[in-house]
Amino acid sequence: MACSSADDACRQAARTASRCAGAVALARSGDPDLDEFDDPVLLEVHGQVPTQILTQIVPMPF
């Protein structure tokens, strides 16, 4: 889900984790018109998110 800011992403992840096992908030920058983005940056983890999932979406270390 796209959010307008890092703070908004963290709030949304916290809300999602309240009704799911866990959620992550990520930030990424880039050009959506060209579909070119930098690697995502992990902002927060809420609840239980398996390490295997995190390593698939965020480069180590986290």
Protein backbone atom coordinates (compact mmCIF):
# COMPACT_ATOMS: atom_id res chain seq x y z
CA MET A 1 0.00 0.00 0.00
CA ALA A 2 1.42 3.36 -0.97
CA CYS A 3 1.60 6.02 1.74
CA SER A 4 2.34 9.72 1.52
CA SER A 5 5.18 9.74 4.07
CA ALA A 6 7.37 7.53 6.24
CA ASP A 7 5.29 8.47 9.29
CA ASP A 8 2.11 7.51 7.45
CA ALA A 9 3.66 4.17 6.44
CA CYS A 10 4.60 3.43 10.06
CA ARG A 11 1.09 4.29 11.28
CA GLN A 12 -0.47 2.12 8.58
CA ALA A 13 1.81 -0.81 9.47
CA ALA A 14 0.86 -0.49 13.15
CA ARG A 15 -2.86 -0.49 12.26
CA THR A 16 -2.43 -3.47 9.95
CA ALA A 17 -0.52 -5.43 12.59
CA SER A 18 -3.39 -4.93 15.03
CA ARG A 19 -5.56 -7.19 12.85
CA CYS A 20 -2.86 -9.42 11.29
CA ALA A 21 0.09 -11.39 12.63
CA GLY A 22 2.51 -8.67 11.60
CA ALA A 23 3.32 -5.87 9.18
CA VAL A 24 6.30 -3.90 7.95
CA ALA A 25 6.75 -0.27 6.98
CA LEU A 26 9.13 0.32 4.07
CA ALA A 27 10.39 3.39 2.26
CA ARG A 28 11.69 3.52 -1.26
CA SER A 29 12.60 6.26 -3.66
CA GLY A 30 12.62 6.29 -7.41
CA ASP A 31 10.71 7.14 -10.54
CA PRO A 32 7.33 5.40 -10.87
CA ASP A 33 6.99 6.56 -14.49
CA LEU A 34 10.13 4.62 -15.40
CA ASP A 35 9.43 1.85 -12.87
CA GLU A 36 12.92 2.39 -11.43
CA PHE A 37 13.33 2.31 -7.65
CA ASP A 38 16.16 2.08 -5.13
CA ASP A 39 16.23 -0.82 -2.70
CA PRO A 40 13.58 -0.49 0.02
CA VAL A 41 14.56 0.75 3.46
CA LEU A 42 13.00 -0.94 6.48
CA LEU A 43 11.32 1.64 8.73
CA GLU A 44 9.50 -0.52 11.29
CA VAL A 45 8.37 -4.06 11.97
CA HIS A 46 5.16 -4.63 13.92
CA GLY A 47 4.09 -7.98 15.30
CA GLN A 48 5.55 -11.23 14.08
CA VAL A 49 7.17 -11.11 10.64
CA PRO A 50 9.34 -14.12 9.75
CA THR A 51 12.98 -13.33 8.99
CA GLN A 52 12.62 -15.23 5.70
CA ILE A 53 10.01 -12.71 4.57
CA LEU A 54 12.15 -9.74 5.58
CA THR A 55 15.20 -11.05 3.70
CA GLN A 56 13.11 -11.33 0.53
CA ILE A 57 11.94 -7.72 0.58
CA VAL A 58 14.78 -5.82 2.27
CA PRO A 59 18.53 -6.20 1.67
CA MET A 60 20.50 -7.24 4.74
CA PRO A 61 21.39 -6.04 7.35
CA PHE A 62 18.19 -5.13 9.19
